[in-house]
Structure formats: structure tokens, C-alpha cells
Amino acid sequence: MTALLGLSTRLGLARLLLITGARADEGDLSEFVDACFSGGVDLIQLRDPSADQDRLLEALRTMRRASYRYQGLVSAYKSVELAEEFEADLLHLPERGESPSAARGHLHRWALIGRSCHTNEQVDAALADPEVNYLTVGPVFGGLTPDAGLELVRYATRVAPPGDPGSKPWFAVGGITAATLDRVLDAGAKRIAVSRAITAAADPEAAAIALKDRVRQAWNADPAMQSLTFQVFRH
């Protein structure tokens, strides 16, 4: 556990979330995570259905060691038992399964909980749930229809404006790449979650830099986001 009072502040300022596996085939998890944080990734979520509990725990601890230099955030996924053993600072829950209120009992007092949302109704429920601290919204691309995800992003923008300090942070997720990013930002997102855009890149650090720079430009061009930055720091 990184028992720092800055978890909520770091989450509030986070713009780039990376979802990755344990990279057992590559055998380079520590170096990869360091490169990603160096490139501007704010939050890394470990999601690897092929890995057993011991491998996941080892990977999370490797990620945490790499995160210290950057004040980066590391998130467990789905398993409350894993999150408890890891003393996770963040736990991300899928749209089905363990409820946030039940998961809370497995976490330390400062821990934050995220929730996957795939419909307007799930977005509404996550925003209304006091145990949920942040959301992912998608899939933006790769769903049943190409525009469905963008419509969900537009909906989230209306009901939880990214620049509103009273709104929970949310990340657009699903098939986002450098080539599709502008469409996501135009739909209103100010935070994104990616996977293959970085994990499959020949140079993960450079890929992260390119994505983060574009999101930063959109953030800085919006006076509400600039105001939010100051308010998050004051909080």
C-alpha cells in the first residue's frame, strides 16, 4: 500500500490509463512499465486472464516498484482477494460481479474503486454509487456499431462534464489509437484508456508520449479543465 493522501489528487489529474497483461511472453514487465510511466501514463491496470493469482500478485508488485519514481497509479482488476493481498490503491471492477460496496471491505481506507460502464444506465449507476471513484466508458470502437461508443462518450460528457469538479473522473476506453483519438476527444472525452496502442508499439514510451501530448493539448485548450487542475491541487 502506498498510504499517501494524494491518491485522489493523482486520479483527478490522470489523463492516460493503460491496460496491460503481465507480459510473460516478453519477459520485460519492469522495463515496459517504467517506459510507460516515463512516457506519461498516469495509471496502469493489470488485466491478464491467462495468469494465475501468484503471477498476478508478482506482476502488481513489479508495477508498484516501477511506479514509485513517477507517482504513478497501479490498479488490480476484478479480484477483491488479489486486491486485498496486494493492498491495492485502486481496484477496477467490471460491470458485473462484485459490487463496489462489497469490494470496499477488502481494501485499505484510502483505496479507490473504478467501474466499467457500457451503457447510459451503467454510467448513471456508477455516478450515483458513493463507493465508485472513477469510471471507464466504452467500448468506443469495436462494439456492435461504430458510433455507439462515441454516443456513450457524448452521454458521459453531458452527465459528468470532465471539467466539473463535482463530477467523477471517467476514461473513454476501447479501440482507441493515435489514429482514432481525435474523434474521441471531439466527442468530449478528456481522459482515455488504451491497451494495444501502447502494448503493441515498437517503442511504448514514444507511443505513450504521443497519446499523452494530444490529450494534454485538448485538456489545456479547455478553460474548464485548466480550472479543474487548480481545484484538484487545492483539494
C-alpha atoms as a PDB file:
ATOM      1  CA  MET A   1       0.000   0.000   0.000  1.00  0.00           C
ATOM      2  CA  THR A   2       1.201   3.483  -0.813  1.00  0.00           C
ATOM      3  CA  ALA A   3      -0.538   5.216   2.071  1.00  0.00           C
ATOM      4  CA  LEU A   4      -0.408   8.689   0.579  1.00  0.00           C
ATOM      5  CA  LEU A   5      -3.119  11.296   0.853  1.00  0.00           C
ATOM      6  CA  GLY A   6      -2.506  12.131  -2.807  1.00  0.00           C
ATOM      7  CA  LEU A   7      -4.347   9.195  -4.372  1.00  0.00           C
ATOM      8  CA  SER A   8      -7.493  11.183  -5.146  1.00  0.00           C
ATOM      9  CA  THR A   9      -5.418  14.108  -6.394  1.00  0.00           C
ATOM     10  CA  ARG A  10      -3.419  11.898  -8.720  1.00  0.00           C
ATOM     11  CA  LEU A  11      -6.573  10.268 -10.010  1.00  0.00           C
ATOM     12  CA  GLY A  12      -8.179  13.654 -10.574  1.00  0.00           C
ATOM     13  CA  LEU A  13      -5.237  14.743 -12.716  1.00  0.00           C
ATOM     14  CA  ALA A  14      -4.854  11.427 -14.562  1.00  0.00           C
ATOM     15  CA  ARG A  15      -5.357  11.557 -18.334  1.00  0.00           C
ATOM     16  CA  LEU A  16      -3.863   8.342 -19.698  1.00  0.00           C
ATOM     17  CA  LEU A  17      -4.744   4.877 -18.386  1.00  0.00           C
ATOM     18  CA  LEU A  18      -3.005   1.785 -19.737  1.00  0.00           C
ATOM     19  CA  ILE A  19      -4.498  -1.708 -19.571  1.00  0.00           C
ATOM     20  CA  THR A  20      -1.859  -4.414 -19.912  1.00  0.00           C
ATOM     21  CA  GLY A  21      -1.179  -8.047 -19.179  1.00  0.00           C
ATOM     22  CA  ALA A  22       1.743  -9.403 -17.186  1.00  0.00           C
ATOM     23  CA  ARG A  23       3.851  -9.713 -20.373  1.00  0.00           C
ATOM     24  CA  ALA A  24       5.031 -13.232 -19.514  1.00  0.00           C
ATOM     25  CA  ASP A  25       5.943 -13.950 -23.141  1.00  0.00           C
ATOM     26  CA  GLU A  26       8.038 -10.806 -23.472  1.00  0.00           C
ATOM     27  CA  GLY A  27       9.591 -11.105 -20.008  1.00  0.00           C
ATOM     28  CA  ASP A  28      10.056  -7.338 -19.823  1.00  0.00           C
ATOM     29  CA  LEU A  29       7.329  -6.141 -17.445  1.00  0.00           C
ATOM     30  CA  SER A  30       9.538  -3.962 -15.245  1.00  0.00           C
ATOM     31  CA  GLU A  31      11.230  -2.231 -18.178  1.00  0.00           C
ATOM     32  CA  PHE A  32       7.938  -1.893 -20.045  1.00  0.00           C
ATOM     33  CA  VAL A  33       6.109  -0.319 -17.102  1.00  0.00           C
ATOM     34  CA  ASP A  34       8.985   2.067 -16.458  1.00  0.00           C
ATOM     35  CA  ALA A  35       8.932   3.161 -20.115  1.00  0.00           C
ATOM     36  CA  CYS A  36       5.174   3.701 -19.994  1.00  0.00           C
ATOM     37  CA  PHE A  37       5.271   5.811 -16.849  1.00  0.00           C
ATOM     38  CA  SER A  38       8.201   7.730 -18.286  1.00  0.00           C
ATOM     39  CA  GLY A  39       6.152   8.404 -21.421  1.00  0.00           C
ATOM     40  CA  GLY A  40       3.283   9.904 -19.453  1.00  0.00           C
ATOM     41  CA  VAL A  41       0.976   7.037 -18.489  1.00  0.00           C
ATOM     42  CA  ASP A  42      -0.704   8.017 -15.223  1.00  0.00           C
ATOM     43  CA  LEU A  43      -2.433   4.783 -14.283  1.00  0.00           C
ATOM     44  CA  ILE A  44      -1.683   1.173 -15.220  1.00  0.00           C
ATOM     45  CA  GLN A  45      -4.305  -1.518 -14.775  1.00  0.00           C
ATOM     46  CA  LEU A  46      -3.208  -5.159 -14.781  1.00  0.00           C
ATOM     47  CA  ARG A  47      -5.674  -7.364 -16.621  1.00  0.00           C
ATOM     48  CA  ASP A  48      -4.473 -10.837 -17.591  1.00  0.00           C
ATOM     49  CA  PRO A  49      -6.985 -13.720 -17.604  1.00  0.00           C
ATOM     50  CA  SER A  50      -4.231 -16.197 -18.528  1.00  0.00           C
ATOM     51  CA  ALA A  51      -2.218 -15.556 -15.351  1.00  0.00           C
ATOM     52  CA  ASP A  52      -2.851 -17.235 -12.022  1.00  0.00           C
ATOM     53  CA  GLN A  53      -3.125 -15.393  -8.704  1.00  0.00           C
ATOM     54  CA  ASP A  54       0.552 -15.733  -7.835  1.00  0.00           C
ATOM     55  CA  ARG A  55       1.675 -14.407 -11.215  1.00  0.00           C
ATOM     56  CA  LEU A  56      -0.745 -11.502 -10.984  1.00  0.00           C
ATOM     57  CA  LEU A  57       0.446 -10.606  -7.497  1.00  0.00           C
ATOM     58  CA  GLU A  58       4.072 -10.721  -8.604  1.00  0.00           C
ATOM     59  CA  ALA A  59       3.260  -8.531 -11.606  1.00  0.00           C
ATOM     60  CA  LEU A  60       1.398  -5.973  -9.494  1.00  0.00           C
ATOM     61  CA  ARG A  61       4.342  -5.719  -7.118  1.00  0.00           C
ATOM     62  CA  THR A  62       6.690  -5.217 -10.052  1.00  0.00           C
ATOM     63  CA  MET A  63       4.436  -2.459 -11.366  1.00  0.00           C
ATOM     64  CA  ARG A  64       4.303  -0.771  -7.982  1.00  0.00           C
ATOM     65  CA  ARG A  65       8.088  -0.698  -7.690  1.00  0.00           C
ATOM     66  CA  ALA A  66       8.323   0.937 -11.111  1.00  0.00           C
ATOM     67  CA  SER A  67       5.588   3.440 -10.245  1.00  0.00           C
ATOM     68  CA  TYR A  68       7.395   4.993  -7.297  1.00  0.00           C
ATOM     69  CA  ARG A  69       9.679   7.166  -9.445  1.00  0.00           C
ATOM     70  CA  TYR A  70       6.713   8.721 -11.210  1.00  0.00           C
ATOM     71  CA  GLN A  71       3.989   8.838  -8.541  1.00  0.00           C
ATOM     72  CA  GLY A  72       2.077   6.608 -10.937  1.00  0.00           C
ATOM     73  CA  LEU A  73      -1.004   4.623 -10.005  1.00  0.00           C
ATOM     74  CA  VAL A  74      -1.366   0.837 -10.249  1.00  0.00           C
ATOM     75  CA  SER A  75      -4.721  -0.934 -10.328  1.00  0.00           C
ATOM     76  CA  ALA A  76      -5.785  -4.505  -9.726  1.00  0.00           C
ATOM     77  CA  TYR A  77      -8.714  -5.816 -11.744  1.00  0.00           C
ATOM     78  CA  LYS A  78     -11.836  -7.675 -10.672  1.00  0.00           C
ATOM     79  CA  SER A  79     -10.450  -9.916  -7.911  1.00  0.00           C
ATOM     80  CA  VAL A  80     -11.084  -8.497  -4.449  1.00  0.00           C
ATOM     81  CA  GLU A  81      -8.919 -11.247  -2.950  1.00  0.00           C
ATOM     82  CA  LEU A  82      -5.986 -10.200  -5.117  1.00  0.00           C
ATOM     83  CA  ALA A  83      -6.576  -6.543  -4.326  1.00  0.00           C
ATOM     84  CA  GLU A  84      -6.644  -7.309  -0.612  1.00  0.00           C
ATOM     85  CA  GLU A  85      -3.429  -9.339  -0.684  1.00  0.00           C
ATOM     86  CA  PHE A  86      -1.711  -6.658  -2.775  1.00  0.00           C
ATOM     87  CA  GLU A  87      -3.070  -3.892  -0.527  1.00  0.00           C
ATOM     88  CA  ALA A  88      -4.164  -2.220  -3.741  1.00  0.00           C
ATOM     89  CA  ASP A  89      -4.539   1.518  -4.015  1.00  0.00           C
ATOM     90  CA  LEU A  90      -7.004   1.008  -6.865  1.00  0.00           C
ATOM     91  CA  LEU A  91      -9.353  -1.806  -7.792  1.00  0.00           C
ATOM     92  CA  HIS A  92     -11.217  -1.763 -11.093  1.00  0.00           C
ATOM     93  CA  LEU A  93     -14.463  -3.723 -11.210  1.00  0.00           C
ATOM     94  CA  PRO A  94     -16.197  -4.977 -14.360  1.00  0.00           C
ATOM     95  CA  GLU A  95     -19.842  -4.127 -14.972  1.00  0.00           C
ATOM     96  CA  ARG A  96     -20.928  -7.442 -13.436  1.00  0.00           C
ATOM     97  CA  GLY A  97     -19.683  -9.346 -10.413  1.00  0.00           C
ATOM     98  CA  GLU A  98     -18.589  -7.994  -7.046  1.00  0.00           C
ATOM     99  CA  SER A  99     -20.406  -4.841  -6.004  1.00  0.00           C
ATOM    100  CA  PRO A 100     -18.336  -1.774  -5.094  1.00  0.00           C
ATOM    101  CA  SER A 101     -19.786  -1.756  -1.571  1.00  0.00           C
ATOM    102  CA  ALA A 102     -18.758  -5.381  -1.019  1.00  0.00           C
ATOM    103  CA  ALA A 103     -15.333  -4.768  -2.547  1.00  0.00           C
ATOM    104  CA  ARG A 104     -14.732  -1.811  -0.245  1.00  0.00           C
ATOM    105  CA  GLY A 105     -14.396  -4.128   2.733  1.00  0.00           C
ATOM    106  CA  HIS A 106     -11.339  -5.764   1.170  1.00  0.00           C
ATOM    107  CA  LEU A 107      -9.440  -2.512   0.602  1.00  0.00           C
ATOM    108  CA  HIS A 108      -7.469  -0.098   2.733  1.00  0.00           C
ATOM    109  CA  ARG A 109      -9.176   3.115   3.820  1.00  0.00           C
ATOM    110  CA  TRP A 110      -7.674   5.336   1.096  1.00  0.00           C
ATOM    111  CA  ALA A 111      -8.209   2.925  -1.795  1.00  0.00           C
ATOM    112  CA  LEU A 112     -10.153   3.974  -4.889  1.00  0.00           C
ATOM    113  CA  ILE A 113     -12.628   1.889  -6.895  1.00  0.00           C
ATOM    114  CA  GLY A 114     -13.285   2.085 -10.628  1.00  0.00           C
ATOM    115  CA  ARG A 115     -16.223   0.690 -12.582  1.00  0.00           C
ATOM    116  CA  SER A 116     -16.595  -0.361 -16.228  1.00  0.00           C
ATOM    117  CA  CYS A 117     -19.653   1.147 -17.925  1.00  0.00           C
ATOM    118  CA  HIS A 118     -21.015   0.068 -21.306  1.00  0.00           C
ATOM    119  CA  THR A 119     -24.441   1.726 -21.316  1.00  0.00           C
ATOM    120  CA  ASN A 120     -26.031   5.006 -20.279  1.00  0.00           C
ATOM    121  CA  GLU A 121     -27.727   3.211 -17.392  1.00  0.00           C
ATOM    122  CA  GLN A 122     -24.420   1.824 -16.125  1.00  0.00           C
ATOM    123  CA  VAL A 123     -22.874   5.279 -16.307  1.00  0.00           C
ATOM    124  CA  ASP A 124     -25.775   6.680 -14.273  1.00  0.00           C
ATOM    125  CA  ALA A 125     -25.469   3.899 -11.693  1.00  0.00           C
ATOM    126  CA  ALA A 126     -21.714   4.353 -11.280  1.00  0.00           C
ATOM    127  CA  LEU A 127     -22.065   8.103 -10.909  1.00  0.00           C
ATOM    128  CA  ALA A 128     -24.720   7.611  -8.237  1.00  0.00           C
ATOM    129  CA  ASP A 129     -22.774   4.965  -6.287  1.00  0.00           C
ATOM    130  CA  PRO A 130     -20.805   6.607  -3.445  1.00  0.00           C
ATOM    131  CA  GLU A 131     -18.313   3.718  -3.450  1.00  0.00           C
ATOM    132  CA  VAL A 132     -17.273   4.313  -7.080  1.00  0.00           C
ATOM    133  CA  ASN A 133     -14.482   6.846  -7.545  1.00  0.00           C
ATOM    134  CA  TYR A 134     -13.984   6.723 -11.304  1.00  0.00           C
ATOM    135  CA  LEU A 135     -15.424   5.119 -14.442  1.00  0.00           C
ATOM    136  CA  THR A 136     -14.355   3.754 -17.789  1.00  0.00           C
ATOM    137  CA  VAL A 137     -16.811   4.344 -20.628  1.00  0.00           C
ATOM    138  CA  GLY A 138     -16.885   2.195 -23.752  1.00  0.00           C
ATOM    139  CA  PRO A 139     -16.017   0.354 -25.826  1.00  0.00           C
ATOM    140  CA  VAL A 140     -15.694   3.421 -28.032  1.00  0.00           C
ATOM    141  CA  PHE A 141     -14.640   1.324 -31.024  1.00  0.00           C
ATOM    142  CA  GLY A 142     -15.102  -2.361 -31.649  1.00  0.00           C
ATOM    143  CA  GLY A 143     -18.672  -2.522 -30.411  1.00  0.00           C
ATOM    144  CA  LEU A 144     -21.735  -3.617 -32.346  1.00  0.00           C
ATOM    145  CA  THR A 145     -21.963  -0.331 -34.239  1.00  0.00           C
ATOM    146  CA  PRO A 146     -19.124   2.123 -34.887  1.00  0.00           C
ATOM    147  CA  ASP A 147     -20.924   5.154 -33.464  1.00  0.00           C
ATOM    148  CA  ALA A 148     -22.404   3.531 -30.357  1.00  0.00           C
ATOM    149  CA  GLY A 149     -19.300   4.111 -28.289  1.00  0.00           C
ATOM    150  CA  LEU A 150     -18.941   7.709 -29.363  1.00  0.00           C
ATOM    151  CA  GLU A 151     -22.567   8.293 -28.397  1.00  0.00           C
ATOM    152  CA  LEU A 152     -21.786   6.843 -24.977  1.00  0.00           C
ATOM    153  CA  VAL A 153     -18.831   9.229 -24.676  1.00  0.00           C
ATOM    154  CA  ARG A 154     -21.119  12.115 -25.585  1.00  0.00           C
ATOM    155  CA  TYR A 155     -23.608  10.953 -22.969  1.00  0.00           C
ATOM    156  CA  ALA A 156     -20.925  10.764 -20.276  1.00  0.00           C
ATOM    157  CA  THR A 157     -19.768  14.238 -21.257  1.00  0.00           C
ATOM    158  CA  ARG A 158     -23.298  15.586 -20.696  1.00  0.00           C
ATOM    159  CA  VAL A 159     -23.992  13.904 -17.361  1.00  0.00           C
ATOM    160  CA  ALA A 160     -20.445  14.090 -15.931  1.00  0.00           C
ATOM    161  CA  PRO A 161     -18.698  17.055 -17.584  1.00  0.00           C
ATOM    162  CA  PRO A 162     -14.943  16.398 -17.362  1.00  0.00           C
ATOM    163  CA  GLY A 163     -14.271  19.956 -16.224  1.00  0.00           C
ATOM    164  CA  ASP A 164     -16.850  19.894 -13.425  1.00  0.00           C
ATOM    165  CA  PRO A 165     -15.091  19.423 -10.061  1.00  0.00           C
ATOM    166  CA  GLY A 166     -18.226  17.719  -8.769  1.00  0.00           C
ATOM    167  CA  SER A 167     -18.096  15.024 -11.457  1.00  0.00           C
ATOM    168  CA  LYS A 168     -16.272  11.730 -11.098  1.00  0.00           C
ATOM    169  CA  PRO A 169     -13.297  11.206 -13.441  1.00  0.00           C
ATOM    170  CA  TRP A 170     -14.049   8.930 -16.389  1.00  0.00           C
ATOM    171  CA  PHE A 171     -11.892   7.459 -19.130  1.00  0.00           C
ATOM    172  CA  ALA A 172     -13.062   6.631 -22.644  1.00  0.00           C
ATOM    173  CA  VAL A 173     -11.893   3.091 -23.476  1.00  0.00           C
ATOM    174  CA  GLY A 174     -11.974   0.572 -26.296  1.00  0.00           C
ATOM    175  CA  GLY A 175     -10.013   0.514 -29.529  1.00  0.00           C
ATOM    176  CA  ILE A 176      -8.550   3.977 -29.071  1.00  0.00           C
ATOM    177  CA  THR A 177      -5.362   4.597 -31.065  1.00  0.00           C
ATOM    178  CA  ALA A 178      -3.416   7.605 -32.262  1.00  0.00           C
ATOM    179  CA  ALA A 179      -5.471   7.432 -35.463  1.00  0.00           C
ATOM    180  CA  THR A 180      -8.856   7.490 -33.704  1.00  0.00           C
ATOM    181  CA  LEU A 181      -8.011   9.672 -30.714  1.00  0.00           C
ATOM    182  CA  ASP A 182      -9.200  12.970 -32.189  1.00  0.00           C
ATOM    183  CA  ARG A 183     -12.699  11.552 -32.714  1.00  0.00           C
ATOM    184  CA  VAL A 184     -12.816  10.572 -29.048  1.00  0.00           C
ATOM    185  CA  LEU A 185     -11.635  13.981 -27.888  1.00  0.00           C
ATOM    186  CA  ASP A 186     -14.117  15.699 -30.213  1.00  0.00           C
ATOM    187  CA  ALA A 187     -16.890  13.678 -28.545  1.00  0.00           C
ATOM    188  CA  GLY A 188     -15.944  15.268 -25.223  1.00  0.00           C
ATOM    189  CA  ALA A 189     -13.524  12.885 -23.516  1.00  0.00           C
ATOM    190  CA  LYS A 190     -10.579  14.390 -21.670  1.00  0.00           C
ATOM    191  CA  ARG A 191      -9.210  11.114 -20.322  1.00  0.00           C
ATOM    192  CA  ILE A 192      -8.539   7.923 -22.265  1.00  0.00           C
ATOM    193  CA  ALA A 193      -7.687   4.288 -21.572  1.00  0.00           C
ATOM    194  CA  VAL A 194      -5.712   2.290 -24.123  1.00  0.00           C
ATOM    195  CA  SER A 195      -4.139  -1.121 -24.469  1.00  0.00           C
ATOM    196  CA  ARG A 196      -2.640  -2.201 -27.808  1.00  0.00           C
ATOM    197  CA  ALA A 197      -1.902   1.402 -28.780  1.00  0.00           C
ATOM    198  CA  ILE A 198       0.967   1.108 -26.299  1.00  0.00           C
ATOM    199  CA  THR A 199       1.429  -2.594 -25.534  1.00  0.00           C
ATOM    200  CA  ALA A 200       1.888  -3.489 -29.227  1.00  0.00           C
ATOM    201  CA  ALA A 201       4.033  -0.455 -30.066  1.00  0.00           C
ATOM    202  CA  ALA A 202       7.660  -0.944 -31.080  1.00  0.00           C
ATOM    203  CA  ASP A 203       8.505   1.945 -28.750  1.00  0.00           C
ATOM    204  CA  PRO A 204       5.987   2.031 -25.865  1.00  0.00           C
ATOM    205  CA  GLU A 205       7.464   5.185 -24.365  1.00  0.00           C
ATOM    206  CA  ALA A 206       7.167   7.097 -27.642  1.00  0.00           C
ATOM    207  CA  ALA A 207       3.622   5.811 -28.145  1.00  0.00           C
ATOM    208  CA  ALA A 208       2.662   6.984 -24.660  1.00  0.00           C
ATOM    209  CA  ILE A 209       4.245  10.392 -25.239  1.00  0.00           C
ATOM    210  CA  ALA A 210       2.301  10.903 -28.471  1.00  0.00           C
ATOM    211  CA  LEU A 211      -1.035   9.978 -26.887  1.00  0.00           C
ATOM    212  CA  LYS A 212      -0.422  11.986 -23.722  1.00  0.00           C
ATOM    213  CA  ASP A 213       0.658  15.083 -25.639  1.00  0.00           C
ATOM    214  CA  ARG A 214      -2.532  15.055 -27.715  1.00  0.00           C
ATOM    215  CA  VAL A 215      -4.736  14.617 -24.642  1.00  0.00           C
ATOM    216  CA  ARG A 216      -2.786  17.339 -22.848  1.00  0.00           C
ATOM    217  CA  GLN A 217      -3.444  19.719 -25.730  1.00  0.00           C
ATOM    218  CA  ALA A 218      -7.185  19.061 -25.519  1.00  0.00           C
ATOM    219  CA  TRP A 219      -7.083  19.466 -21.732  1.00  0.00           C
ATOM    220  CA  ASN A 220      -5.158  22.755 -21.891  1.00  0.00           C
ATOM    221  CA  ALA A 221      -7.415  24.147 -24.628  1.00  0.00           C
ATOM    222  CA  ASP A 222     -10.444  23.835 -22.335  1.00  0.00           C
ATOM    223  CA  PRO A 223     -10.661  26.571 -19.656  1.00  0.00           C
ATOM    224  CA  ALA A 224     -12.825  24.288 -17.504  1.00  0.00           C
ATOM    225  CA  MET A 225     -10.075  21.652 -17.432  1.00  0.00           C
ATOM    226  CA  GLN A 226      -7.457  24.250 -16.527  1.00  0.00           C
ATOM    227  CA  SER A 227      -9.679  25.405 -13.664  1.00  0.00           C
ATOM    228  CA  LEU A 228     -10.187  21.801 -12.580  1.00  0.00           C
ATOM    229  CA  THR A 229      -6.425  21.302 -12.375  1.00  0.00           C
ATOM    230  CA  PHE A 230      -6.077  24.132  -9.863  1.00  0.00           C
ATOM    231  CA  GLN A 231      -9.046  22.926  -7.834  1.00  0.00           C
ATOM    232  CA  VAL A 232      -7.736  19.344  -7.683  1.00  0.00           C
ATOM    233  CA  PHE A 233      -4.394  20.603  -6.374  1.00  0.00           C
ATOM    234  CA  ARG A 234      -6.127  22.724  -3.739  1.00  0.00           C
ATOM    235  CA  HIS A 235      -8.171  19.719  -2.663  1.00  0.00           C
END
